[in-house]
Amino acid sequence: MKRLGLFLILLGSLGCGKSLERQIQEQVRTFDHASLSKQQVEVQNVKEIGDHAVAEVRITTAVRLVKKDGTWVIEEFRIGDRRWERAEHILAVINEERTETTLQQLNLITEGIRRYTDLNHQIPKVSSFEELMDILSPQFHNQVVRIDAWSNPFSYQAIGANKYDLKSAGPDGDLGTPDDLFPDP
């Protein structure tokens, strides 16, 4: 009887795994009103961690390219039957969201620096952003943030007694260029 119960539990958990894979496949197939076929979306691996999951998914689709200055460049992605999205539109939306996320992070870090300064009567005197986060977290800043939304490290430099320079390199990933992002004044 114990073996039958264990078998049923195992069978049920295997069924749940397949169900999760089917759910993932369906959500990817229809993400933002896409209309990909079941054959275009293959769930290769799923790892559940508590109430989160990470899925490796292979998507088969098409891209339209255009030759610019002798180099082929992706112009559009097909996200369903006869539905195409311009690559520049996708990138613009992604960069807009990454900019907003990074500005929010910079403003929260600035608030942590303000709290630190109020208590210690001076700005953090550190030589790197990593050291800044080590000082601020968790008392003055409740999240450890090391990189911006483009996966580039933030920059922090103490300038004088009560001034500092905190910034993100922005979309191009290079500090000192016009697209650098700074916290609100």
N, C-alpha and C. Protein backbone atom coordinates (compact mmCIF):
# COMPACT_ATOMS: atom_id res chain seq x y z
N MET A 1 0.82 -1.19 0.00
CA MET A 1 0.00 0.00 0.00
C MET A 1 0.87 1.26 0.00
N LYS A 2 1.98 1.21 0.78
CA LYS A 2 2.88 2.37 0.82
C LYS A 2 3.48 2.61 -0.56
N ARG A 3 3.83 1.53 -1.27
CA ARG A 3 4.41 1.68 -2.60
C ARG A 3 3.42 2.32 -3.56
N LEU A 4 2.16 1.92 -3.47
CA LEU A 4 1.13 2.49 -4.34
C LEU A 4 0.97 3.98 -4.06
N GLY A 5 0.97 4.38 -2.77
CA GLY A 5 0.86 5.79 -2.41
C GLY A 5 2.05 6.59 -2.92
N LEU A 6 3.26 6.03 -2.76
CA LEU A 6 4.46 6.70 -3.25
C LEU A 6 4.42 6.82 -4.77
N PHE A 7 3.97 5.76 -5.44
CA PHE A 7 3.85 5.78 -6.90
C PHE A 7 2.87 6.87 -7.35
N LEU A 8 1.73 6.99 -6.65
CA LEU A 8 0.74 8.00 -7.01
C LEU A 8 1.28 9.42 -6.78
N ILE A 9 2.02 9.61 -5.69
CA ILE A 9 2.62 10.92 -5.42
C ILE A 9 3.63 11.25 -6.51
N LEU A 10 4.49 10.26 -6.86
CA LEU A 10 5.48 10.47 -7.91
C LEU A 10 4.80 10.75 -9.25
N LEU A 11 3.77 9.98 -9.56
CA LEU A 11 3.04 10.19 -10.80
C LEU A 11 2.40 11.58 -10.83
N GLY A 12 1.83 12.00 -9.70
CA GLY A 12 1.23 13.32 -9.61
C GLY A 12 2.25 14.42 -9.78
N SER A 13 3.44 14.24 -9.18
CA SER A 13 4.46 15.29 -9.32
C SER A 13 4.99 15.35 -10.74
N LEU A 14 5.08 14.20 -11.41
CA LEU A 14 5.50 14.22 -12.80
C LEU A 14 4.47 14.93 -13.66
N GLY A 15 3.22 14.69 -13.37
CA GLY A 15 2.15 15.36 -14.11
C GLY A 15 2.18 16.86 -13.89
N CYS A 16 2.52 17.29 -12.66
CA CYS A 16 2.61 18.72 -12.37
C CYS A 16 3.73 19.35 -13.19
N GLY A 17 4.85 18.61 -13.33
CA GLY A 17 5.95 19.13 -14.13
C GLY A 17 5.54 19.33 -15.56
N LYS A 18 4.85 18.37 -16.13
CA LYS A 18 4.37 18.51 -17.51
C LYS A 18 3.38 19.66 -17.60
N SER A 19 2.54 19.78 -16.60
CA SER A 19 1.57 20.87 -16.60
C SER A 19 2.28 22.22 -16.59
N LEU A 20 3.34 22.35 -15.80
CA LEU A 20 4.10 23.60 -15.75
C LEU A 20 4.74 23.86 -17.11
N GLU A 21 5.30 22.83 -17.72
CA GLU A 21 5.89 23.00 -19.04
C GLU A 21 4.85 23.44 -20.06
N ARG A 22 3.66 22.87 -19.98
CA ARG A 22 2.58 23.29 -20.90
C ARG A 22 2.17 24.73 -20.63
N GLN A 23 2.11 25.12 -19.35
CA GLN A 23 1.77 26.51 -19.02
C GLN A 23 2.82 27.48 -19.56
N ILE A 24 4.08 27.11 -19.40
CA ILE A 24 5.16 27.96 -19.89
C ILE A 24 5.07 28.07 -21.41
N GLN A 25 4.91 26.95 -22.07
CA GLN A 25 4.81 26.96 -23.53
C GLN A 25 3.66 27.84 -23.99
N GLU A 26 2.51 27.72 -23.35
CA GLU A 26 1.35 28.51 -23.75
C GLU A 26 1.58 30.01 -23.51
N GLN A 27 2.19 30.35 -22.37
CA GLN A 27 2.44 31.77 -22.08
C GLN A 27 3.45 32.38 -23.05
N VAL A 28 4.46 31.61 -23.41
CA VAL A 28 5.44 32.12 -24.38
C VAL A 28 4.79 32.26 -25.75
N ARG A 29 4.00 31.26 -26.13
CA ARG A 29 3.35 31.28 -27.45
C ARG A 29 2.44 32.49 -27.61
N THR A 30 1.81 32.94 -26.52
CA THR A 30 0.82 34.01 -26.61
C THR A 30 1.26 35.30 -25.95
N PHE A 31 2.53 35.39 -25.56
CA PHE A 31 3.03 36.59 -24.88
C PHE A 31 2.76 37.83 -25.71
N ASP A 32 2.15 38.82 -25.10
CA ASP A 32 1.80 40.08 -25.76
C ASP A 32 1.08 39.85 -27.09
N HIS A 33 0.13 38.95 -27.06
CA HIS A 33 -0.72 38.64 -28.22
C HIS A 33 0.05 38.01 -29.38
N ALA A 34 1.21 37.43 -29.09
CA ALA A 34 1.93 36.70 -30.13
C ALA A 34 1.08 35.48 -30.50
N SER A 35 1.33 34.94 -31.64
CA SER A 35 0.57 33.76 -32.07
C SER A 35 1.52 32.71 -32.64
N LEU A 36 2.43 32.26 -31.79
CA LEU A 36 3.37 31.23 -32.20
C LEU A 36 2.71 29.87 -32.07
N SER A 37 3.07 28.95 -32.93
CA SER A 37 2.50 27.60 -32.87
C SER A 37 3.21 26.80 -31.78
N LYS A 38 2.60 25.69 -31.37
CA LYS A 38 3.22 24.83 -30.36
C LYS A 38 4.56 24.30 -30.84
N GLN A 39 4.68 24.08 -32.15
CA GLN A 39 5.94 23.57 -32.69
C GLN A 39 7.05 24.62 -32.64
N GLN A 40 6.71 25.90 -32.54
CA GLN A 40 7.71 26.97 -32.51
C GLN A 40 8.28 27.20 -31.12
N VAL A 41 7.64 26.66 -30.08
CA VAL A 41 8.07 26.91 -28.70
C VAL A 41 8.34 25.57 -28.02
N GLU A 42 9.60 25.37 -27.66
CA GLU A 42 10.01 24.13 -27.00
C GLU A 42 10.58 24.48 -25.62
N VAL A 43 9.95 23.97 -24.56
CA VAL A 43 10.47 24.16 -23.21
C VAL A 43 11.51 23.07 -22.99
N GLN A 44 12.75 23.48 -22.79
CA GLN A 44 13.84 22.52 -22.67
C GLN A 44 14.15 22.12 -21.25
N ASN A 45 13.98 23.06 -20.32
CA ASN A 45 14.35 22.79 -18.93
C ASN A 45 13.59 23.76 -18.04
N VAL A 46 13.13 23.28 -16.88
CA VAL A 46 12.45 24.14 -15.91
C VAL A 46 13.02 23.85 -14.54
N LYS A 47 13.36 24.92 -13.81
CA LYS A 47 13.82 24.79 -12.43
C LYS A 47 12.89 25.62 -11.55
N GLU A 48 12.24 24.94 -10.62
CA GLU A 48 11.36 25.63 -9.67
C GLU A 48 12.13 25.93 -8.40
N ILE A 49 11.96 27.16 -7.90
CA ILE A 49 12.57 27.58 -6.64
C ILE A 49 11.48 28.30 -5.86
N GLY A 50 10.86 27.59 -4.93
CA GLY A 50 9.74 28.17 -4.19
C GLY A 50 8.61 28.53 -5.13
N ASP A 51 8.18 29.79 -5.07
CA ASP A 51 7.08 30.21 -5.94
C ASP A 51 7.59 30.93 -7.20
N HIS A 52 8.84 30.62 -7.60
CA HIS A 52 9.42 31.13 -8.84
C HIS A 52 9.92 29.95 -9.67
N ALA A 53 10.05 30.18 -10.96
CA ALA A 53 10.61 29.16 -11.84
C ALA A 53 11.43 29.84 -12.92
N VAL A 54 12.46 29.14 -13.37
CA VAL A 54 13.27 29.61 -14.50
C VAL A 54 13.16 28.54 -15.57
N ALA A 55 12.78 28.95 -16.76
CA ALA A 55 12.61 28.01 -17.86
C ALA A 55 13.55 28.37 -19.00
N GLU A 56 14.19 27.35 -19.54
CA GLU A 56 14.96 27.52 -20.77
C GLU A 56 14.04 27.14 -21.91
N VAL A 57 13.84 28.08 -22.84
CA VAL A 57 12.88 27.90 -23.91
C VAL A 57 13.55 28.15 -25.25
N ARG A 58 13.30 27.28 -26.20
CA ARG A 58 13.79 27.49 -27.56
C ARG A 58 12.61 27.93 -28.42
N ILE A 59 12.77 29.09 -29.05
CA ILE A 59 11.72 29.65 -29.90
C ILE A 59 12.23 29.66 -31.34
N THR A 60 11.44 29.12 -32.23
CA THR A 60 11.78 29.13 -33.65
C THR A 60 10.89 30.16 -34.33
N THR A 61 11.51 31.14 -34.94
CA THR A 61 10.75 32.18 -35.63
C THR A 61 11.58 32.69 -36.80
N ALA A 62 11.19 33.80 -37.34
CA ALA A 62 11.91 34.36 -38.49
C ALA A 62 12.29 35.81 -38.20
N VAL A 63 13.30 36.27 -38.91
CA VAL A 63 13.70 37.67 -38.84
C VAL A 63 13.84 38.18 -40.27
N ARG A 64 13.52 39.45 -40.45
CA ARG A 64 13.78 40.12 -41.72
C ARG A 64 15.02 40.97 -41.53
N LEU A 65 15.89 40.90 -42.51
CA LEU A 65 17.14 41.66 -42.43
C LEU A 65 17.23 42.64 -43.59
N VAL A 66 18.03 43.66 -43.41
CA VAL A 66 18.30 44.63 -44.46
C VAL A 66 19.81 44.87 -44.47
N LYS A 67 20.35 45.07 -45.63
CA LYS A 67 21.78 45.31 -45.74
C LYS A 67 22.03 46.81 -45.62
N LYS A 68 22.86 47.19 -44.63
CA LYS A 68 23.23 48.59 -44.42
C LYS A 68 24.75 48.67 -44.40
N ASP A 69 25.27 49.47 -45.29
CA ASP A 69 26.72 49.64 -45.40
C ASP A 69 27.45 48.29 -45.52
N GLY A 70 26.85 47.39 -46.27
CA GLY A 70 27.47 46.09 -46.52
C GLY A 70 27.30 45.06 -45.42
N THR A 71 26.55 45.41 -44.35
CA THR A 71 26.35 44.49 -43.24
C THR A 71 24.85 44.20 -43.07
N TRP A 72 24.51 42.92 -42.89
CA TRP A 72 23.12 42.55 -42.66
C TRP A 72 22.73 42.92 -41.24
N VAL A 73 21.58 43.61 -41.09
CA VAL A 73 21.08 44.07 -39.80
C VAL A 73 19.63 43.61 -39.66
N ILE A 74 19.28 43.13 -38.47
CA ILE A 74 17.90 42.70 -38.23
C ILE A 74 16.99 43.92 -38.26
N GLU A 75 15.97 43.84 -39.09
CA GLU A 75 15.00 44.92 -39.22
C GLU A 75 13.70 44.60 -38.47
N GLU A 76 13.25 43.33 -38.56
CA GLU A 76 11.99 42.94 -37.92
C GLU A 76 12.09 41.50 -37.42
N PHE A 77 11.29 41.22 -36.37
CA PHE A 77 11.12 39.87 -35.84
C PHE A 77 9.69 39.43 -36.10
N ARG A 78 9.50 38.18 -36.49
CA ARG A 78 8.15 37.65 -36.63
C ARG A 78 7.73 37.08 -35.28
N ILE A 79 6.60 37.56 -34.78
CA ILE A 79 6.11 37.07 -33.49
C ILE A 79 4.81 36.29 -33.66
N GLY A 80 4.47 35.97 -34.86
CA GLY A 80 3.28 35.17 -35.12
C GLY A 80 3.01 35.12 -36.60
N ASP A 81 1.97 34.44 -36.96
CA ASP A 81 1.60 34.30 -38.36
C ASP A 81 1.31 35.68 -38.95
N ARG A 82 2.16 36.13 -39.87
CA ARG A 82 2.04 37.42 -40.56
C ARG A 82 2.13 38.62 -39.62
N ARG A 83 2.63 38.46 -38.40
CA ARG A 83 2.78 39.60 -37.49
C ARG A 83 4.26 39.85 -37.24
N TRP A 84 4.70 41.02 -37.61
CA TRP A 84 6.10 41.40 -37.49
C TRP A 84 6.24 42.61 -36.58
N GLU A 85 7.32 42.65 -35.82
CA GLU A 85 7.63 43.80 -34.96
C GLU A 85 8.99 44.35 -35.38
N ARG A 86 9.07 45.66 -35.49
CA ARG A 86 10.33 46.31 -35.87
C ARG A 86 11.34 46.19 -34.72
N ALA A 87 12.54 45.80 -35.05
CA ALA A 87 13.60 45.64 -34.05
C ALA A 87 13.85 46.95 -33.30
N GLU A 88 13.84 48.08 -34.03
CA GLU A 88 14.09 49.37 -33.37
C GLU A 88 13.01 49.71 -32.35
N HIS A 89 11.77 49.28 -32.58
CA HIS A 89 10.70 49.52 -31.61
C HIS A 89 10.91 48.69 -30.35
N ILE A 90 11.28 47.43 -30.55
CA ILE A 90 11.54 46.55 -29.41
C ILE A 90 12.66 47.13 -28.56
N LEU A 91 13.75 47.53 -29.21
CA LEU A 91 14.89 48.09 -28.47
C LEU A 91 14.55 49.40 -27.78
N ALA A 92 13.74 50.23 -28.41
CA ALA A 92 13.35 51.52 -27.81
C ALA A 92 12.57 51.29 -26.52
N VAL A 93 11.64 50.36 -26.54
CA VAL A 93 10.84 50.07 -25.34
C VAL A 93 11.72 49.50 -24.25
N ILE A 94 12.60 48.59 -24.61
CA ILE A 94 13.50 47.99 -23.62
C ILE A 94 14.38 49.07 -22.99
N ASN A 95 14.96 49.94 -23.81
CA ASN A 95 15.82 51.00 -23.26
C ASN A 95 15.05 51.98 -22.40
N GLU A 96 13.82 52.28 -22.77
CA GLU A 96 12.99 53.19 -21.96
C GLU A 96 12.74 52.58 -20.59
N GLU A 97 12.42 51.31 -20.54
CA GLU A 97 12.17 50.64 -19.26
C GLU A 97 13.46 50.51 -18.45
N ARG A 98 14.55 50.21 -19.11
CA ARG A 98 15.83 50.11 -18.40
C ARG A 98 16.25 51.46 -17.83
N THR A 99 15.99 52.53 -18.57
CA THR A 99 16.31 53.87 -18.08
C THR A 99 15.49 54.18 -16.82
N GLU A 100 14.20 53.91 -16.88
CA GLU A 100 13.33 54.17 -15.72
C GLU A 100 13.77 53.35 -14.51
N THR A 101 14.07 52.09 -14.70
CA THR A 101 14.52 51.23 -13.60
C THR A 101 15.82 51.76 -13.00
N THR A 102 16.76 52.14 -13.85
CA THR A 102 18.06 52.63 -13.38
C THR A 102 17.91 53.94 -12.62
N LEU A 103 17.07 54.84 -13.12
CA LEU A 103 16.84 56.11 -12.41
C LEU A 103 16.22 55.86 -11.04
N GLN A 104 15.29 54.92 -10.95
CA GLN A 104 14.70 54.57 -9.65
C GLN A 104 15.78 54.03 -8.71
N GLN A 105 16.66 53.16 -9.23
CA GLN A 105 17.74 52.63 -8.40
C GLN A 105 18.66 53.75 -7.92
N LEU A 106 19.05 54.66 -8.82
CA LEU A 106 19.92 55.77 -8.44
C LEU A 106 19.28 56.63 -7.36
N ASN A 107 17.98 56.91 -7.48
CA ASN A 107 17.30 57.73 -6.48
C ASN A 107 17.21 57.02 -5.13
N LEU A 108 17.00 55.71 -5.13
CA LEU A 108 16.98 54.96 -3.87
C LEU A 108 18.36 54.92 -3.22
N ILE A 109 19.39 54.78 -4.02
CA ILE A 109 20.77 54.80 -3.49
C ILE A 109 21.07 56.18 -2.90
N THR A 110 20.65 57.23 -3.60
CA THR A 110 20.84 58.60 -3.10
C THR A 110 20.15 58.78 -1.75
N GLU A 111 18.96 58.22 -1.60
CA GLU A 111 18.25 58.29 -0.32
C GLU A 111 19.04 57.56 0.76
N GLY A 112 19.64 56.44 0.43
CA GLY A 112 20.47 55.72 1.39
C GLY A 112 21.69 56.54 1.79
N ILE A 113 22.30 57.22 0.83
CA ILE A 113 23.45 58.09 1.13
C ILE A 113 23.01 59.24 2.04
N ARG A 114 21.83 59.80 1.77
CA ARG A 114 21.32 60.88 2.62
C ARG A 114 21.13 60.40 4.06
N ARG A 115 20.55 59.22 4.23
CA ARG A 115 20.35 58.67 5.58
C ARG A 115 21.69 58.44 6.29
N TYR A 116 22.65 57.89 5.56
CA TYR A 116 23.98 57.68 6.12
C TYR A 116 24.59 59.01 6.55
N THR A 117 24.49 60.01 5.68
CA THR A 117 25.06 61.33 5.95
C THR A 117 24.40 61.98 7.15
N ASP A 118 23.06 61.86 7.27
CA ASP A 118 22.36 62.43 8.41
C ASP A 118 22.87 61.85 9.72
N LEU A 119 23.15 60.55 9.74
CA LEU A 119 23.61 59.89 10.97
C LEU A 119 25.08 60.14 11.25
N ASN A 120 25.91 60.14 10.20
CA ASN A 120 27.36 60.22 10.36
C ASN A 120 27.95 61.59 10.09
N HIS A 121 27.13 62.54 9.66
CA HIS A 121 27.54 63.92 9.40
C HIS A 121 28.62 64.04 8.31
N GLN A 122 28.68 63.05 7.45
CA GLN A 122 29.57 63.11 6.28
C GLN A 122 29.12 62.05 5.29
N ILE A 123 29.48 62.25 4.03
CA ILE A 123 29.12 61.26 3.02
C ILE A 123 30.03 60.04 3.17
N PRO A 124 29.62 58.90 2.66
CA PRO A 124 30.50 57.72 2.72
C PRO A 124 31.81 57.97 1.98
N LYS A 125 32.90 57.73 2.64
CA LYS A 125 34.24 57.89 2.04
C LYS A 125 34.73 56.50 1.65
N VAL A 126 34.42 56.11 0.43
CA VAL A 126 34.81 54.80 -0.07
C VAL A 126 35.45 54.97 -1.44
N SER A 127 36.15 53.94 -1.89
CA SER A 127 36.83 54.05 -3.17
C SER A 127 36.10 53.36 -4.32
N SER A 128 34.97 52.71 -4.02
CA SER A 128 34.24 52.04 -5.10
C SER A 128 32.76 51.96 -4.76
N PHE A 129 31.98 51.71 -5.78
CA PHE A 129 30.53 51.55 -5.57
C PHE A 129 30.24 50.31 -4.72
N GLU A 130 31.01 49.26 -4.90
CA GLU A 130 30.80 48.04 -4.12
C GLU A 130 30.97 48.32 -2.63
N GLU A 131 31.99 49.09 -2.29
CA GLU A 131 32.21 49.47 -0.89
C GLU A 131 31.04 50.33 -0.38
N LEU A 132 30.53 51.21 -1.24
CA LEU A 132 29.38 52.03 -0.86
C LEU A 132 28.20 51.14 -0.49
N MET A 133 27.90 50.15 -1.33
CA MET A 133 26.77 49.26 -1.05
C MET A 133 27.00 48.47 0.23
N ASP A 134 28.25 48.06 0.47
CA ASP A 134 28.55 47.33 1.70
C ASP A 134 28.29 48.18 2.93
N ILE A 135 28.53 49.48 2.84
CA ILE A 135 28.29 50.39 3.97
C ILE A 135 26.79 50.69 4.12
N LEU A 136 26.12 50.89 3.00
CA LEU A 136 24.70 51.29 3.06
C LEU A 136 23.75 50.15 3.41
N SER A 137 24.05 48.95 2.98
CA SER A 137 23.13 47.83 3.17
C SER A 137 23.40 47.11 4.48
N PRO A 138 22.40 46.76 5.21
CA PRO A 138 20.97 46.98 5.02
C PRO A 138 20.43 48.18 5.81
N GLN A 139 21.26 48.81 6.63
CA GLN A 139 20.77 49.88 7.52
C GLN A 139 20.23 51.09 6.77
N PHE A 140 20.91 51.51 5.71
CA PHE A 140 20.52 52.74 5.02
C PHE A 140 19.89 52.49 3.65
N HIS A 141 20.05 51.29 3.14
CA HIS A 141 19.50 50.91 1.84
C HIS A 141 19.17 49.42 1.92
N ASN A 142 17.88 49.08 1.75
CA ASN A 142 17.46 47.70 2.03
C ASN A 142 17.73 46.70 0.91
N GLN A 143 18.24 47.13 -0.23
CA GLN A 143 18.58 46.21 -1.32
C GLN A 143 20.04 46.38 -1.70
N VAL A 144 20.69 45.26 -1.96
CA VAL A 144 22.06 45.34 -2.47
C VAL A 144 21.96 45.43 -3.98
N VAL A 145 22.37 46.56 -4.52
CA VAL A 145 22.32 46.80 -5.95
C VAL A 145 23.76 46.99 -6.41
N ARG A 146 24.17 46.21 -7.38
CA ARG A 146 25.55 46.32 -7.86
C ARG A 146 25.62 46.79 -9.31
N ILE A 147 24.56 46.53 -10.08
CA ILE A 147 24.58 46.84 -11.51
C ILE A 147 23.31 47.57 -11.92
N ASP A 148 23.40 48.32 -13.01
CA ASP A 148 22.24 49.02 -13.54
C ASP A 148 21.43 48.05 -14.43
N ALA A 149 20.39 48.55 -15.05
CA ALA A 149 19.50 47.70 -15.84
C ALA A 149 20.14 47.19 -17.13
N TRP A 150 21.32 47.70 -17.50
CA TRP A 150 22.06 47.19 -18.66
C TRP A 150 23.15 46.22 -18.22
N SER A 151 23.14 45.86 -16.94
CA SER A 151 24.13 44.96 -16.33
C SER A 151 25.52 45.56 -16.27
N ASN A 152 25.60 46.88 -16.16
CA ASN A 152 26.88 47.57 -15.99
C ASN A 152 26.97 48.08 -14.56
N PRO A 153 28.17 48.12 -13.99
CA PRO A 153 28.31 48.60 -12.61
C PRO A 153 28.01 50.10 -12.50
N PHE A 154 27.42 50.47 -11.36
CA PHE A 154 27.24 51.90 -11.06
C PHE A 154 28.60 52.49 -10.70
N SER A 155 28.68 53.81 -10.73
CA SER A 155 29.90 54.51 -10.37
C SER A 155 29.60 55.45 -9.21
N TYR A 156 30.48 55.43 -8.20
CA TYR A 156 30.37 56.35 -7.06
C TYR A 156 31.76 56.87 -6.76
N GLN A 157 31.82 58.19 -6.54
CA GLN A 157 33.10 58.80 -6.18
C GLN A 157 32.82 59.95 -5.23
N ALA A 158 33.48 59.94 -4.08
CA ALA A 158 33.39 61.06 -3.15
C ALA A 158 34.21 62.20 -3.71
N ILE A 159 33.60 63.40 -3.70
CA ILE A 159 34.29 64.60 -4.21
C ILE A 159 34.21 65.65 -3.10
N GLY A 160 35.29 65.83 -2.39
CA GLY A 160 35.28 66.80 -1.30
C GLY A 160 34.58 66.25 -0.07
N ALA A 161 34.30 67.18 0.87
CA ALA A 161 33.76 66.78 2.17
C ALA A 161 32.33 66.27 2.09
N ASN A 162 31.47 66.95 1.34
CA ASN A 162 30.07 66.57 1.32
C ASN A 162 29.48 66.48 -0.08
N LYS A 163 30.31 66.23 -1.07
CA LYS A 163 29.83 66.07 -2.44
C LYS A 163 30.27 64.71 -2.97
N TYR A 164 29.43 64.17 -3.83
CA TYR A 164 29.78 62.90 -4.45
C TYR A 164 29.20 62.86 -5.85
N ASP A 165 29.72 61.93 -6.63
CA ASP A 165 29.26 61.70 -7.99
C ASP A 165 28.76 60.26 -8.06
N LEU A 166 27.47 60.11 -8.29
CA LEU A 166 26.84 58.80 -8.42
C LEU A 166 26.19 58.75 -9.79
N LYS A 167 26.48 57.71 -10.58
CA LYS A 167 25.90 57.65 -11.92
C LYS A 167 25.92 56.24 -12.47
N SER A 168 25.17 56.11 -13.57
CA SER A 168 25.15 54.90 -14.39
C SER A 168 25.72 55.28 -15.75
N ALA A 169 26.39 54.35 -16.39
CA ALA A 169 26.94 54.60 -17.72
C ALA A 169 25.85 54.66 -18.79
N GLY A 170 24.64 54.28 -18.44
CA GLY A 170 23.53 54.37 -19.39
C GLY A 170 23.59 53.31 -20.47
N PRO A 171 22.79 53.49 -21.52
CA PRO A 171 22.65 52.47 -22.57
C PRO A 171 23.95 52.07 -23.26
N ASP A 172 24.87 53.01 -23.45
CA ASP A 172 26.09 52.65 -24.20
C ASP A 172 27.13 51.94 -23.34
N GLY A 173 26.94 51.95 -22.01
CA GLY A 173 27.86 51.24 -21.11
C GLY A 173 29.18 51.94 -20.87
N ASP A 174 29.34 53.16 -21.40
CA ASP A 174 30.58 53.91 -21.23
C ASP A 174 30.34 55.13 -20.35
N LEU A 175 31.14 55.26 -19.30
CA LEU A 175 31.04 56.44 -18.44
C LEU A 175 31.60 57.66 -19.16
N GLY A 176 31.02 58.81 -18.85
CA GLY A 176 31.51 60.08 -19.42
C GLY A 176 30.96 60.38 -20.79
N THR A 177 29.87 59.75 -21.16
CA THR A 177 29.23 60.02 -22.45
C THR A 177 27.87 60.68 -22.21
N PRO A 178 27.28 61.29 -23.21
CA PRO A 178 26.02 62.03 -23.01
C PRO A 178 24.85 61.20 -22.47
N ASP A 179 24.88 59.87 -22.62
CA ASP A 179 23.73 59.09 -22.13
C ASP A 179 23.89 58.61 -20.69
N ASP A 180 24.92 59.08 -19.98
CA ASP A 180 25.07 58.72 -18.56
C ASP A 180 23.82 59.17 -17.80
N LEU A 181 23.45 58.40 -16.79
CA LEU A 181 22.27 58.71 -15.97
C LEU A 181 22.69 59.09 -14.56
N PHE A 182 22.03 60.11 -14.02
CA PHE A 182 22.32 60.62 -12.69
C PHE A 182 21.02 60.62 -11.87
N PRO A 183 21.12 60.55 -10.54
CA PRO A 183 19.91 60.66 -9.72
C PRO A 183 19.30 62.04 -9.85
N ASP A 184 18.00 62.13 -9.51
CA ASP A 184 17.34 63.43 -9.51
C ASP A 184 18.06 64.36 -8.55
N PRO A 185 18.16 65.66 -8.89
CA PRO A 185 18.86 66.59 -8.00
C PRO A 185 18.10 66.79 -6.69
